[in-house]
Protein backbone atom coordinates (compact mmCIF):
# COMPACT_ATOMS: atom_id res chain seq x y z
CA MET A 1 -11.83 5.73 3.95
CA GLU A 2 -12.59 8.05 6.85
CA GLN A 3 -9.62 10.28 6.03
CA LEU A 4 -10.44 10.32 2.33
CA GLY A 5 -13.95 11.44 3.26
CA LYS A 6 -12.48 14.28 5.33
CA TRP A 7 -10.56 15.28 2.22
CA LYS A 8 -13.92 15.45 0.37
CA TYR A 9 -13.51 12.29 -1.70
CA ARG A 10 -16.71 10.32 -2.22
CA PRO A 11 -15.61 7.19 -4.09
CA ALA A 12 -18.09 4.75 -5.56
CA PRO A 13 -18.71 1.52 -3.63
CA ASP A 14 -16.51 -0.57 -5.92
CA THR A 15 -13.65 1.90 -5.43
CA VAL A 16 -14.12 1.71 -1.66
CA THR A 17 -13.87 -2.08 -1.89
CA ALA A 18 -10.64 -1.78 -3.90
CA VAL A 19 -9.12 0.72 -1.45
CA GLU A 20 -9.91 -1.54 1.50
CA ALA A 21 -8.63 -4.69 -0.25
CA VAL A 22 -5.40 -3.04 -1.40
CA THR A 23 -4.79 -1.54 2.04
CA THR A 24 -5.19 -5.00 3.56
CA LEU A 25 -2.69 -6.48 1.09
CA LEU A 26 -0.17 -3.73 1.84
CA ILE A 27 -0.47 -4.20 5.59
CA GLN A 28 -0.26 -7.99 5.37
CA ALA A 29 2.94 -7.70 3.33
CA ALA A 30 4.47 -5.32 5.87
CA VAL A 31 3.47 -7.54 8.80
CA ALA A 32 4.99 -10.57 7.07
CA ASP A 33 8.40 -8.87 7.28
CA GLY A 34 8.36 -9.46 11.05
CA GLY A 35 9.23 -5.95 12.16
CA THR A 36 8.36 -4.48 15.52
CA LYS A 37 5.65 -2.21 14.07
CA VAL A 38 3.93 -1.26 10.83
CA SER A 39 2.97 2.23 9.75
CA VAL A 40 0.51 3.18 7.03
CA HIS A 41 0.72 6.49 5.21
CA LEU A 42 -1.96 8.06 3.02
CA SER A 43 -1.66 10.96 0.61
CA ASP A 44 -3.80 12.35 -2.19
CA GLN A 45 -3.31 14.30 -5.36
CA ASP A 46 -5.38 14.93 -8.48
CA GLY A 47 -8.13 12.43 -7.64
CA GLN A 48 -5.75 9.67 -6.64
CA ALA A 49 -4.69 8.24 -3.29
CA CYS A 50 -1.29 6.80 -2.50
CA ILE A 51 -1.27 4.22 0.29
CA LEU A 52 2.09 3.15 1.66
CA ALA A 53 2.88 0.53 4.30
CA LEU A 54 6.27 0.47 6.01
CA SER A 55 7.44 -2.65 7.82
CA HIS A 56 10.03 -1.03 10.14
CA HIS A 57 12.06 -4.23 9.90
CA THR A 58 15.62 -2.99 9.71
CA GLY A 59 18.30 -5.13 8.18
CA LEU A 60 16.23 -6.46 5.27
CA THR A 61 18.21 -6.93 2.09
CA THR A 62 17.10 -5.74 -1.32
CA GLY A 63 16.23 -9.38 -2.05
CA ALA A 64 13.17 -8.83 0.15
CA ASP A 65 11.75 -6.81 -2.75
CA ASP A 66 11.66 -9.97 -4.88
CA ALA A 67 9.67 -11.73 -2.15
CA GLY A 68 6.98 -9.05 -2.44
CA LYS A 69 6.40 -9.37 -6.18
CA ASP A 70 3.48 -11.77 -5.66
CA VAL A 71 1.64 -9.19 -3.60
CA LEU A 72 2.26 -6.60 -6.33
CA HIS A 73 0.44 -8.89 -8.78
CA GLN A 74 -2.45 -9.17 -6.33
CA ILE A 75 -2.56 -5.39 -5.95
CA THR A 76 -2.54 -4.68 -9.69
CA ALA A 77 -5.45 -7.08 -10.13
CA HIS A 78 -7.66 -4.32 -8.73
CA HIS A 79 -9.10 -2.21 -11.54
CA PHE A 80 -8.54 1.18 -9.86
CA VAL A 81 -4.82 0.68 -9.14
CA THR A 82 -2.72 2.82 -11.46
CA GLY A 83 0.67 1.94 -9.99
CA CYS A 84 2.43 0.14 -7.18
CA GLY A 85 5.91 -0.64 -6.04
CA ILE A 86 8.19 -1.98 -3.40
CA ASP A 87 11.62 -1.05 -2.13
CA THR A 88 13.80 -1.71 0.87
CA GLY A 89 15.63 0.96 2.81
CA PRO A 90 17.32 1.37 6.17
CA ASP A 91 13.94 1.90 7.84
CA GLY A 92 12.41 -1.31 6.42
CA ARG A 93 10.45 -2.36 3.38
CA ARG A 94 8.07 0.12 1.78
CA ILE A 95 5.23 -1.17 -0.35
CA TRP A 96 2.79 1.23 -1.96
CA ALA A 97 -0.12 1.55 -4.35
CA VAL A 98 -1.77 4.46 -6.17
CA ILE A 99 -5.53 4.20 -6.61
CA THR A 100 -7.80 6.38 -8.74
CA LEU A 101 -10.66 7.65 -6.65
């Protein structure tokens, strides 16, 4: 939220709650992969924020994406989420959400 404020976004309290809850879900999913670290990336465009968590757990198979589908349902339960996804690459599993600010 601090970075979004620096970018001049002033979301309503219920949007702030959604951003914080979704960020927590993304990080928990990345931590559950058991990698050595987790990184979180934030970008913005046209009044939306994209939050991405990367697990840095190399060697995951694409089947790991199926394991994350439950968290995608939890993420989309938040009213301000306009999209989310998950994929696995050589650098680990990436799970992301786009939120309208």
